[in-house]
Amino acid sequence: MLIAAASLLFALMGLFVKLASAQYSAGEIVFYRSLVGMAWMAALVKARGDTLCTRVPAMHFWRSLSGVLALALWFYALGHLPLATAMTLNYTSSVWLAAFLVAGPLLRPRKRERVDLRLLLAVLAGFAGVALILRPTLEQRQLGFGLAGLASGLLAAVAYLKVSALGRAGEPETRVVFYFSAGGVVAGALFTLAEGGPGTHSARGIALLLAIGTLASAAQLMMTRAYSIGHTLSNAALQYLGIVFSFGFGVWLLRDPVTGLAIAGMLLIIGAGLSATRVGALPPTPTTEGRQ
């Protein structure tokens, strides 16, 4: 249940991001979240006696690049689309994952992960639940921003596959998250400069930024571990629980309205997650292929 715990922490992080956005720009939040993450990961690496040296720097580069680009495009879409629309488009990452696993090879060309039809249906059912909760709308003049949001979902799916590949290569979670955070620091600094530079701090703002970075680091570790050892589509379906947690925080703390469609969507997401967990508990059967 690592992915479920990660989804809860990501939902909490999103709540704090919403609170912090009243004081900080998106670029600043990305920068400080990643900076705190780098500090936590460096401390964990030192405590464990590990090293940040890696035999697969190119794999870390592509994982960081795809993840940071996905984050940047998501923030771009969030700045120009309704929140529900941007979130839904970003959550197409699981559908993209299913498409990748069904239609194309994984990152290791000699092996493919057998796709269970029940898992594929669970992912699609989970996305249907997300659509019921968020009920997005997209105007014609917003098409370009919508495509950016859709691209963020595609790139997030690529990043998850890169995480799985790094796990198979034997890279520890702390190292993977450290290099992803490093990419976020660079991107966040560029975003902040493009948005006019950093703003002023307050005790409340600093506390929010520290909480965001700490929650993101813990959630990223759990997510990385889950994708390293678990079934990809099972994790993808369970990630939809993040929408359920966020919906609950919105109703409880932000007084967001409750609708029948939203409740139906939550039940569909929970059912999809439970189904994915049951099927994913069975050992996956890899199939051997020739070199592409």
C-alpha atoms as a PDB file:
ATOM      1  CA  MET A   1       0.000   0.000   0.000  1.00  0.00           C
ATOM      2  CA  LEU A   2       2.956   2.323  -0.511  1.00  0.00           C
ATOM      3  CA  ILE A   3       1.257   4.058  -3.422  1.00  0.00           C
ATOM      4  CA  ALA A   4      -1.874   4.734  -1.348  1.00  0.00           C
ATOM      5  CA  ALA A   5       0.220   6.316   1.422  1.00  0.00           C
ATOM      6  CA  ALA A   6       2.100   8.363  -1.171  1.00  0.00           C
ATOM      7  CA  SER A   7      -1.221   9.544  -2.632  1.00  0.00           C
ATOM      8  CA  LEU A   8      -2.341  10.722   0.817  1.00  0.00           C
ATOM      9  CA  LEU A   9       0.896  12.658   1.362  1.00  0.00           C
ATOM     10  CA  PHE A  10       0.671  14.191  -2.111  1.00  0.00           C
ATOM     11  CA  ALA A  11      -2.910  15.287  -1.341  1.00  0.00           C
ATOM     12  CA  LEU A  12      -1.729  16.931   1.895  1.00  0.00           C
ATOM     13  CA  MET A  13       1.077  18.593  -0.040  1.00  0.00           C
ATOM     14  CA  GLY A  14      -1.461  19.903  -2.545  1.00  0.00           C
ATOM     15  CA  LEU A  15      -3.488  21.424   0.275  1.00  0.00           C
ATOM     16  CA  PHE A  16      -0.408  23.251   1.584  1.00  0.00           C
ATOM     17  CA  VAL A  17       0.493  24.347  -1.954  1.00  0.00           C
ATOM     18  CA  LYS A  18      -2.972  25.887  -2.267  1.00  0.00           C
ATOM     19  CA  LEU A  19      -2.423  27.776   0.990  1.00  0.00           C
ATOM     20  CA  ALA A  20       1.093  28.860   0.026  1.00  0.00           C
ATOM     21  CA  SER A  21       0.015  30.055  -3.430  1.00  0.00           C
ATOM     22  CA  ALA A  22      -1.537  33.129  -1.818  1.00  0.00           C
ATOM     23  CA  GLN A  23       2.005  34.306  -0.988  1.00  0.00           C
ATOM     24  CA  TYR A  24       4.344  32.575  -3.445  1.00  0.00           C
ATOM     25  CA  SER A  25       4.407  32.081  -7.212  1.00  0.00           C
ATOM     26  CA  ALA A  26       4.272  28.619  -8.741  1.00  0.00           C
ATOM     27  CA  GLY A  27       7.953  28.778  -9.647  1.00  0.00           C
ATOM     28  CA  GLU A  28       8.944  29.648  -6.079  1.00  0.00           C
ATOM     29  CA  ILE A  29       6.936  26.754  -4.661  1.00  0.00           C
ATOM     30  CA  VAL A  30       8.544  24.331  -7.125  1.00  0.00           C
ATOM     31  CA  PHE A  31      11.987  25.687  -6.265  1.00  0.00           C
ATOM     32  CA  TYR A  32      11.630  25.490  -2.475  1.00  0.00           C
ATOM     33  CA  ARG A  33       9.844  22.134  -2.590  1.00  0.00           C
ATOM     34  CA  SER A  34      12.736  20.698  -4.603  1.00  0.00           C
ATOM     35  CA  LEU A  35      15.403  22.388  -2.485  1.00  0.00           C
ATOM     36  CA  VAL A  36      13.982  20.910   0.716  1.00  0.00           C
ATOM     37  CA  GLY A  37      13.744  17.550  -1.056  1.00  0.00           C
ATOM     38  CA  MET A  38      17.410  17.674  -2.040  1.00  0.00           C
ATOM     39  CA  ALA A  39      18.383  18.430   1.559  1.00  0.00           C
ATOM     40  CA  TRP A  40      16.319  15.539   2.933  1.00  0.00           C
ATOM     41  CA  MET A  41      17.647  13.081   0.370  1.00  0.00           C
ATOM     42  CA  ALA A  42      21.267  14.142   0.913  1.00  0.00           C
ATOM     43  CA  ALA A  43      20.800  13.648   4.670  1.00  0.00           C
ATOM     44  CA  LEU A  44      19.260  10.192   4.154  1.00  0.00           C
ATOM     45  CA  VAL A  45      22.030   9.134   1.782  1.00  0.00           C
ATOM     46  CA  LYS A  46      24.667  10.192   4.333  1.00  0.00           C
ATOM     47  CA  ALA A  47      22.844   8.496   7.233  1.00  0.00           C
ATOM     48  CA  ARG A  48      22.684   5.225   5.307  1.00  0.00           C
ATOM     49  CA  GLY A  49      26.290   5.421   4.251  1.00  0.00           C
ATOM     50  CA  ASP A  50      25.287   5.411   0.595  1.00  0.00           C
ATOM     51  CA  THR A  51      26.583   7.583  -2.206  1.00  0.00           C
ATOM     52  CA  LEU A  52      25.070   9.863  -4.821  1.00  0.00           C
ATOM     53  CA  CYS A  53      27.443   8.455  -7.439  1.00  0.00           C
ATOM     54  CA  THR A  54      25.569   6.481 -10.082  1.00  0.00           C
ATOM     55  CA  ARG A  55      26.426   4.121 -12.911  1.00  0.00           C
ATOM     56  CA  VAL A  56      23.400   5.269 -14.925  1.00  0.00           C
ATOM     57  CA  PRO A  57      23.539   9.092 -15.091  1.00  0.00           C
ATOM     58  CA  ALA A  58      21.712   9.153 -18.423  1.00  0.00           C
ATOM     59  CA  MET A  59      18.733   7.310 -16.925  1.00  0.00           C
ATOM     60  CA  HIS A  60      18.540   9.845 -14.085  1.00  0.00           C
ATOM     61  CA  PHE A  61      18.763  12.684 -16.585  1.00  0.00           C
ATOM     62  CA  TRP A  62      15.846  11.427 -18.667  1.00  0.00           C
ATOM     63  CA  ARG A  63      13.764  10.623 -15.582  1.00  0.00           C
ATOM     64  CA  SER A  64      14.378  14.107 -14.178  1.00  0.00           C
ATOM     65  CA  LEU A  65      13.788  15.804 -17.531  1.00  0.00           C
ATOM     66  CA  SER A  66      10.487  14.051 -18.173  1.00  0.00           C
ATOM     67  CA  GLY A  67       9.283  14.636 -14.609  1.00  0.00           C
ATOM     68  CA  VAL A  68      10.256  18.305 -14.515  1.00  0.00           C
ATOM     69  CA  LEU A  69       8.727  18.979 -17.940  1.00  0.00           C
ATOM     70  CA  ALA A  70       5.529  17.283 -16.822  1.00  0.00           C
ATOM     71  CA  LEU A  71       5.482  19.492 -13.733  1.00  0.00           C
ATOM     72  CA  ALA A  72       6.169  22.643 -15.760  1.00  0.00           C
ATOM     73  CA  LEU A  73       3.422  21.894 -18.288  1.00  0.00           C
ATOM     74  CA  TRP A  74       0.989  21.088 -15.485  1.00  0.00           C
ATOM     75  CA  PHE A  75       1.641  24.443 -13.812  1.00  0.00           C
ATOM     76  CA  TYR A  76       1.289  26.139 -17.210  1.00  0.00           C
ATOM     77  CA  ALA A  77      -2.107  24.499 -17.682  1.00  0.00           C
ATOM     78  CA  LEU A  78      -3.131  25.325 -14.111  1.00  0.00           C
ATOM     79  CA  GLY A  79      -2.420  28.991 -14.780  1.00  0.00           C
ATOM     80  CA  HIS A  80      -4.843  29.159 -17.729  1.00  0.00           C
ATOM     81  CA  LEU A  81      -7.446  26.430 -17.207  1.00  0.00           C
ATOM     82  CA  PRO A  82     -10.004  25.685 -14.487  1.00  0.00           C
ATOM     83  CA  LEU A  83      -8.397  23.637 -11.734  1.00  0.00           C
ATOM     84  CA  ALA A  84     -10.661  20.646 -12.408  1.00  0.00           C
ATOM     85  CA  THR A  85      -9.698  20.592 -16.083  1.00  0.00           C
ATOM     86  CA  ALA A  86      -5.954  20.841 -15.483  1.00  0.00           C
ATOM     87  CA  MET A  87      -6.022  18.129 -12.804  1.00  0.00           C
ATOM     88  CA  THR A  88      -8.021  15.758 -14.983  1.00  0.00           C
ATOM     89  CA  LEU A  89      -5.686  16.217 -17.942  1.00  0.00           C
ATOM     90  CA  ASN A  90      -2.655  15.551 -15.712  1.00  0.00           C
ATOM     91  CA  TYR A  91      -4.286  12.384 -14.353  1.00  0.00           C
ATOM     92  CA  THR A  92      -4.392  10.924 -17.853  1.00  0.00           C
ATOM     93  CA  SER A  93      -0.889   9.694 -16.987  1.00  0.00           C
ATOM     94  CA  SER A  94      -2.360   6.361 -15.903  1.00  0.00           C
ATOM     95  CA  VAL A  95      -4.220   5.984 -19.192  1.00  0.00           C
ATOM     96  CA  TRP A  96      -0.996   6.778 -21.061  1.00  0.00           C
ATOM     97  CA  LEU A  97       0.766   4.139 -18.943  1.00  0.00           C
ATOM     98  CA  ALA A  98      -1.823   1.572 -19.929  1.00  0.00           C
ATOM     99  CA  ALA A  99      -1.409   2.509 -23.590  1.00  0.00           C
ATOM    100  CA  PHE A 100       2.386   2.240 -23.361  1.00  0.00           C
ATOM    101  CA  LEU A 101       2.257  -1.170 -21.700  1.00  0.00           C
ATOM    102  CA  VAL A 102      -0.286  -2.545 -24.155  1.00  0.00           C
ATOM    103  CA  ALA A 103       1.014  -1.069 -27.415  1.00  0.00           C
ATOM    104  CA  GLY A 104       4.767  -0.731 -26.999  1.00  0.00           C
ATOM    105  CA  PRO A 105       7.841  -2.186 -25.313  1.00  0.00           C
ATOM    106  CA  LEU A 106       8.984  -1.148 -21.882  1.00  0.00           C
ATOM    107  CA  LEU A 107      12.324   0.510 -21.384  1.00  0.00           C
ATOM    108  CA  ARG A 108      14.108  -2.861 -21.469  1.00  0.00           C
ATOM    109  CA  PRO A 109      13.614  -4.058 -25.049  1.00  0.00           C
ATOM    110  CA  ARG A 110      14.097  -7.754 -24.280  1.00  0.00           C
ATOM    111  CA  LYS A 111      11.234  -8.016 -21.838  1.00  0.00           C
ATOM    112  CA  ARG A 112       7.653  -6.839 -21.648  1.00  0.00           C
ATOM    113  CA  GLU A 113       5.315  -6.833 -18.716  1.00  0.00           C
ATOM    114  CA  ARG A 114       2.268  -9.027 -19.261  1.00  0.00           C
ATOM    115  CA  VAL A 115      -0.824  -6.823 -19.151  1.00  0.00           C
ATOM    116  CA  ASP A 116      -3.808  -8.249 -17.292  1.00  0.00           C
ATOM    117  CA  LEU A 117      -7.083  -7.066 -18.851  1.00  0.00           C
ATOM    118  CA  ARG A 118      -8.568  -6.641 -15.377  1.00  0.00           C
ATOM    119  CA  LEU A 119      -5.835  -4.163 -14.464  1.00  0.00           C
ATOM    120  CA  LEU A 120      -6.357  -2.254 -17.686  1.00  0.00           C
ATOM    121  CA  LEU A 121     -10.077  -2.002 -16.974  1.00  0.00           C
ATOM    122  CA  ALA A 122      -9.315  -0.877 -13.408  1.00  0.00           C
ATOM    123  CA  VAL A 123      -7.182   1.990 -14.716  1.00  0.00           C
ATOM    124  CA  LEU A 124      -9.871   3.070 -17.182  1.00  0.00           C
ATOM    125  CA  ALA A 125     -12.560   2.803 -14.504  1.00  0.00           C
ATOM    126  CA  GLY A 126     -10.443   4.934 -12.189  1.00  0.00           C
ATOM    127  CA  PHE A 127     -10.122   7.630 -14.822  1.00  0.00           C
ATOM    128  CA  ALA A 128     -13.887   7.540 -15.342  1.00  0.00           C
ATOM    129  CA  GLY A 129     -14.245   8.164 -11.611  1.00  0.00           C
ATOM    130  CA  VAL A 130     -11.860  11.129 -11.823  1.00  0.00           C
ATOM    131  CA  ALA A 131     -13.959  12.573 -14.647  1.00  0.00           C
ATOM    132  CA  LEU A 132     -17.139  12.170 -12.584  1.00  0.00           C
ATOM    133  CA  ILE A 133     -15.616  14.028  -9.629  1.00  0.00           C
ATOM    134  CA  LEU A 134     -13.997  16.852 -11.559  1.00  0.00           C
ATOM    135  CA  ARG A 135     -16.388  17.193 -14.522  1.00  0.00           C
ATOM    136  CA  PRO A 136     -13.976  19.318 -16.587  1.00  0.00           C
ATOM    137  CA  THR A 137     -14.961  21.707 -19.383  1.00  0.00           C
ATOM    138  CA  LEU A 138     -12.705  23.020 -22.109  1.00  0.00           C
ATOM    139  CA  GLU A 139     -13.475  26.024 -24.296  1.00  0.00           C
ATOM    140  CA  GLN A 140     -12.197  26.303 -27.868  1.00  0.00           C
ATOM    141  CA  ARG A 141      -9.899  29.223 -27.031  1.00  0.00           C
ATOM    142  CA  GLN A 142      -8.267  27.095 -24.324  1.00  0.00           C
ATOM    143  CA  LEU A 143      -7.268  24.276 -26.670  1.00  0.00           C
ATOM    144  CA  GLY A 144      -3.536  25.094 -26.567  1.00  0.00           C
ATOM    145  CA  PHE A 145      -3.511  25.111 -22.771  1.00  0.00           C
ATOM    146  CA  GLY A 146      -5.504  21.872 -22.779  1.00  0.00           C
ATOM    147  CA  LEU A 147      -2.917  20.235 -25.020  1.00  0.00           C
ATOM    148  CA  ALA A 148      -0.231  21.360 -22.556  1.00  0.00           C
ATOM    149  CA  GLY A 149      -2.136  19.672 -19.731  1.00  0.00           C
ATOM    150  CA  LEU A 150      -2.540  16.515 -21.791  1.00  0.00           C
ATOM    151  CA  ALA A 151       1.189  16.545 -22.563  1.00  0.00           C
ATOM    152  CA  SER A 152       1.903  16.826 -18.837  1.00  0.00           C
ATOM    153  CA  GLY A 153       0.004  13.578 -18.291  1.00  0.00           C
ATOM    154  CA  LEU A 154       1.927  11.866 -21.087  1.00  0.00           C
ATOM    155  CA  LEU A 155       5.297  13.028 -19.736  1.00  0.00           C
ATOM    156  CA  ALA A 156       4.326  11.995 -16.203  1.00  0.00           C
ATOM    157  CA  ALA A 157       3.647   8.490 -17.540  1.00  0.00           C
ATOM    158  CA  VAL A 158       7.084   8.495 -19.174  1.00  0.00           C
ATOM    159  CA  ALA A 159       8.605   9.579 -15.852  1.00  0.00           C
ATOM    160  CA  TYR A 160       6.900   6.684 -14.024  1.00  0.00           C
ATOM    161  CA  LEU A 161       8.306   4.224 -16.538  1.00  0.00           C
ATOM    162  CA  LYS A 162      11.756   5.753 -16.027  1.00  0.00           C
ATOM    163  CA  VAL A 163      11.323   5.280 -12.268  1.00  0.00           C
ATOM    164  CA  SER A 164      10.486   1.611 -12.827  1.00  0.00           C
ATOM    165  CA  ALA A 165      13.574   1.220 -15.029  1.00  0.00           C
ATOM    166  CA  LEU A 166      15.809   2.860 -12.422  1.00  0.00           C
ATOM    167  CA  GLY A 167      14.467   0.486  -9.792  1.00  0.00           C
ATOM    168  CA  ARG A 168      15.267  -2.495 -11.998  1.00  0.00           C
ATOM    169  CA  ALA A 169      18.759  -1.046 -12.500  1.00  0.00           C
ATOM    170  CA  GLY A 170      19.275  -1.193  -8.723  1.00  0.00           C
ATOM    171  CA  GLU A 171      19.185   2.545  -8.029  1.00  0.00           C
ATOM    172  CA  PRO A 172      18.041   3.334  -4.462  1.00  0.00           C
ATOM    173  CA  GLU A 173      14.979   5.529  -3.978  1.00  0.00           C
ATOM    174  CA  THR A 174      16.956   8.276  -2.235  1.00  0.00           C
ATOM    175  CA  ARG A 175      19.270   8.692  -5.208  1.00  0.00           C
ATOM    176  CA  VAL A 176      16.394   8.750  -7.700  1.00  0.00           C
ATOM    177  CA  VAL A 177      14.483  11.362  -5.707  1.00  0.00           C
ATOM    178  CA  PHE A 178      17.632  13.445  -5.136  1.00  0.00           C
ATOM    179  CA  TYR A 179      18.349  13.851  -8.832  1.00  0.00           C
ATOM    180  CA  PHE A 180      14.678  14.548  -9.591  1.00  0.00           C
ATOM    181  CA  SER A 181      14.714  17.232  -6.896  1.00  0.00           C
ATOM    182  CA  ALA A 182      17.880  18.686  -8.407  1.00  0.00           C
ATOM    183  CA  GLY A 183      16.072  19.052 -11.707  1.00  0.00           C
ATOM    184  CA  GLY A 184      13.189  20.727  -9.894  1.00  0.00           C
ATOM    185  CA  VAL A 185      15.538  23.246  -8.284  1.00  0.00           C
ATOM    186  CA  VAL A 186      16.896  24.266 -11.682  1.00  0.00           C
ATOM    187  CA  ALA A 187      13.433  24.465 -13.244  1.00  0.00           C
ATOM    188  CA  GLY A 188      11.957  26.285 -10.240  1.00  0.00           C
ATOM    189  CA  ALA A 189      14.748  28.876 -10.322  1.00  0.00           C
ATOM    190  CA  LEU A 190      14.104  29.521 -14.022  1.00  0.00           C
ATOM    191  CA  PHE A 191      10.348  29.800 -13.447  1.00  0.00           C
ATOM    192  CA  THR A 192      10.899  32.215 -10.556  1.00  0.00           C
ATOM    193  CA  LEU A 193      13.128  34.458 -12.665  1.00  0.00           C
ATOM    194  CA  ALA A 194      10.594  34.401 -15.493  1.00  0.00           C
ATOM    195  CA  GLU A 195       7.845  35.376 -13.038  1.00  0.00           C
ATOM    196  CA  GLY A 196       9.747  38.436 -11.821  1.00  0.00           C
ATOM    197  CA  GLY A 197      11.985  37.088  -9.082  1.00  0.00           C
ATOM    198  CA  PRO A 198      11.413  35.834  -5.529  1.00  0.00           C
ATOM    199  CA  GLY A 199       9.001  37.490  -3.126  1.00  0.00           C
ATOM    200  CA  THR A 200       9.198  38.161   0.611  1.00  0.00           C
ATOM    201  CA  HIS A 201       8.974  35.528   3.337  1.00  0.00           C
ATOM    202  CA  SER A 202       6.987  35.230   6.540  1.00  0.00           C
ATOM    203  CA  ALA A 203       7.031  32.678   9.365  1.00  0.00           C
ATOM    204  CA  ARG A 204       3.808  31.149   8.038  1.00  0.00           C
ATOM    205  CA  GLY A 205       5.173  31.037   4.498  1.00  0.00           C
ATOM    206  CA  ILE A 206       8.423  29.370   5.545  1.00  0.00           C
ATOM    207  CA  ALA A 207       6.498  26.776   7.569  1.00  0.00           C
ATOM    208  CA  LEU A 208       4.299  25.997   4.550  1.00  0.00           C
ATOM    209  CA  LEU A 209       7.298  25.670   2.237  1.00  0.00           C
ATOM    210  CA  LEU A 210       9.065  23.316   4.665  1.00  0.00           C
ATOM    211  CA  ALA A 211       5.910  21.219   5.006  1.00  0.00           C
ATOM    212  CA  ILE A 212       5.494  21.063   1.220  1.00  0.00           C
ATOM    213  CA  GLY A 213       9.087  19.951   0.696  1.00  0.00           C
ATOM    214  CA  THR A 214       8.991  17.364   3.487  1.00  0.00           C
ATOM    215  CA  LEU A 215       5.672  15.845   2.399  1.00  0.00           C
ATOM    216  CA  ALA A 216       6.795  15.791  -1.231  1.00  0.00           C
ATOM    217  CA  SER A 217      10.059  14.045  -0.297  1.00  0.00           C
ATOM    218  CA  ALA A 218       8.334  11.339   1.741  1.00  0.00           C
ATOM    219  CA  ALA A 219       5.654  10.812  -0.903  1.00  0.00           C
ATOM    220  CA  GLN A 220       8.227  10.715  -3.702  1.00  0.00           C
ATOM    221  CA  LEU A 221      10.229   8.064  -1.838  1.00  0.00           C
ATOM    222  CA  MET A 222       7.139   5.923  -1.367  1.00  0.00           C
ATOM    223  CA  MET A 223       6.055   6.368  -4.982  1.00  0.00           C
ATOM    224  CA  THR A 224       9.526   5.546  -6.280  1.00  0.00           C
ATOM    225  CA  ARG A 225       9.694   2.418  -4.133  1.00  0.00           C
ATOM    226  CA  ALA A 226       6.207   1.338  -5.204  1.00  0.00           C
ATOM    227  CA  TYR A 227       7.004   1.667  -8.910  1.00  0.00           C
ATOM    228  CA  SER A 228      10.327  -0.099  -8.387  1.00  0.00           C
ATOM    229  CA  ILE A 229       8.879  -3.237  -6.780  1.00  0.00           C
ATOM    230  CA  GLY A 230       5.199  -3.240  -7.744  1.00  0.00           C
ATOM    231  CA  HIS A 231       3.043  -3.780 -10.802  1.00  0.00           C
ATOM    232  CA  THR A 232       2.950  -0.625 -12.925  1.00  0.00           C
ATOM    233  CA  LEU A 233      -0.764  -0.645 -13.768  1.00  0.00           C
ATOM    234  CA  SER A 234      -1.734  -1.566 -10.209  1.00  0.00           C
ATOM    235  CA  ASN A 235       0.161   1.471  -8.942  1.00  0.00           C
ATOM    236  CA  ALA A 236      -1.397   3.624 -11.662  1.00  0.00           C
ATOM    237  CA  ALA A 237      -4.915   2.690 -10.586  1.00  0.00           C
ATOM    238  CA  LEU A 238      -4.177   3.189  -6.892  1.00  0.00           C
ATOM    239  CA  GLN A 239      -2.833   6.673  -7.562  1.00  0.00           C
ATOM    240  CA  TYR A 240      -6.388   7.792  -8.244  1.00  0.00           C
ATOM    241  CA  LEU A 241      -6.913   7.643  -4.471  1.00  0.00           C
ATOM    242  CA  GLY A 242      -5.115  11.002  -4.419  1.00  0.00           C
ATOM    243  CA  ILE A 243      -8.243  12.530  -5.953  1.00  0.00           C
ATOM    244  CA  VAL A 244     -10.391  10.998  -3.217  1.00  0.00           C
ATOM    245  CA  PHE A 245      -8.096  12.375  -0.496  1.00  0.00           C
ATOM    246  CA  SER A 246      -7.988  15.815  -2.127  1.00  0.00           C
ATOM    247  CA  PHE A 247     -11.756  15.830  -2.487  1.00  0.00           C
ATOM    248  CA  GLY A 248     -12.103  15.006   1.208  1.00  0.00           C
ATOM    249  CA  PHE A 249      -9.725  17.785   2.253  1.00  0.00           C
ATOM    250  CA  GLY A 250     -11.623  20.217   0.033  1.00  0.00           C
ATOM    251  CA  VAL A 251     -14.986  19.352   1.593  1.00  0.00           C
ATOM    252  CA  TRP A 252     -13.646  19.246   5.156  1.00  0.00           C
ATOM    253  CA  LEU A 253     -11.334  22.270   5.177  1.00  0.00           C
ATOM    254  CA  LEU A 254     -12.276  24.377   2.155  1.00  0.00           C
ATOM    255  CA  ARG A 255     -16.050  23.812   2.189  1.00  0.00           C
ATOM    256  CA  ASP A 256     -16.128  22.468  -1.360  1.00  0.00           C
ATOM    257  CA  PRO A 257     -19.623  21.260  -2.399  1.00  0.00           C
ATOM    258  CA  VAL A 258     -20.572  17.586  -2.345  1.00  0.00           C
ATOM    259  CA  THR A 259     -22.500  16.211  -5.348  1.00  0.00           C
ATOM    260  CA  GLY A 260     -23.965  12.860  -6.252  1.00  0.00           C
ATOM    261  CA  LEU A 261     -21.641  12.549  -9.234  1.00  0.00           C
ATOM    262  CA  ALA A 262     -18.630  13.203  -6.998  1.00  0.00           C
ATOM    263  CA  ILE A 263     -19.687  10.483  -4.568  1.00  0.00           C
ATOM    264  CA  ALA A 264     -20.233   8.074  -7.474  1.00  0.00           C
ATOM    265  CA  GLY A 265     -16.777   8.930  -8.783  1.00  0.00           C
ATOM    266  CA  MET A 266     -15.171   8.301  -5.400  1.00  0.00           C
ATOM    267  CA  LEU A 267     -16.834   4.878  -5.153  1.00  0.00           C
ATOM    268  CA  LEU A 268     -15.663   4.040  -8.664  1.00  0.00           C
ATOM    269  CA  ILE A 269     -12.086   5.076  -7.832  1.00  0.00           C
ATOM    270  CA  ILE A 270     -12.040   3.054  -4.604  1.00  0.00           C
ATOM    271  CA  GLY A 271     -13.446   0.022  -6.420  1.00  0.00           C
ATOM    272  CA  ALA A 272     -10.825   0.360  -9.150  1.00  0.00           C
ATOM    273  CA  GLY A 273      -8.049   0.624  -6.553  1.00  0.00           C
ATOM    274  CA  LEU A 274      -9.227  -2.450  -4.656  1.00  0.00           C
ATOM    275  CA  SER A 275      -9.522  -4.418  -7.889  1.00  0.00           C
ATOM    276  CA  ALA A 276      -6.036  -3.363  -8.964  1.00  0.00           C
ATOM    277  CA  THR A 277      -4.610  -4.367  -5.580  1.00  0.00           C
ATOM    278  CA  ARG A 278      -6.185  -7.827  -5.805  1.00  0.00           C
ATOM    279  CA  VAL A 279      -4.987  -8.487  -9.353  1.00  0.00           C
ATOM    280  CA  GLY A 280      -1.583  -6.863  -8.765  1.00  0.00           C
ATOM    281  CA  ALA A 281      -0.936  -9.177  -5.826  1.00  0.00           C
ATOM    282  CA  LEU A 282      -0.508 -12.020  -8.318  1.00  0.00           C
ATOM    283  CA  PRO A 283       3.113 -12.411  -9.508  1.00  0.00           C
ATOM    284  CA  PRO A 284       3.567 -10.807 -12.952  1.00  0.00           C
ATOM    285  CA  THR A 285       4.708 -13.122 -15.725  1.00  0.00           C
ATOM    286  CA  PRO A 286       7.328 -11.486 -17.962  1.00  0.00           C
ATOM    287  CA  THR A 287       7.612 -12.595 -21.545  1.00  0.00           C
ATOM    288  CA  THR A 288      10.912 -12.828 -23.397  1.00  0.00           C
ATOM    289  CA  GLU A 289      11.299 -10.989 -26.692  1.00  0.00           C
ATOM    290  CA  GLY A 290      13.976 -10.638 -29.284  1.00  0.00           C
ATOM    291  CA  ARG A 291      15.886  -7.393 -29.693  1.00  0.00           C
ATOM    292  CA  GLN A 292      13.745  -4.744 -31.389  1.00  0.00           C
END
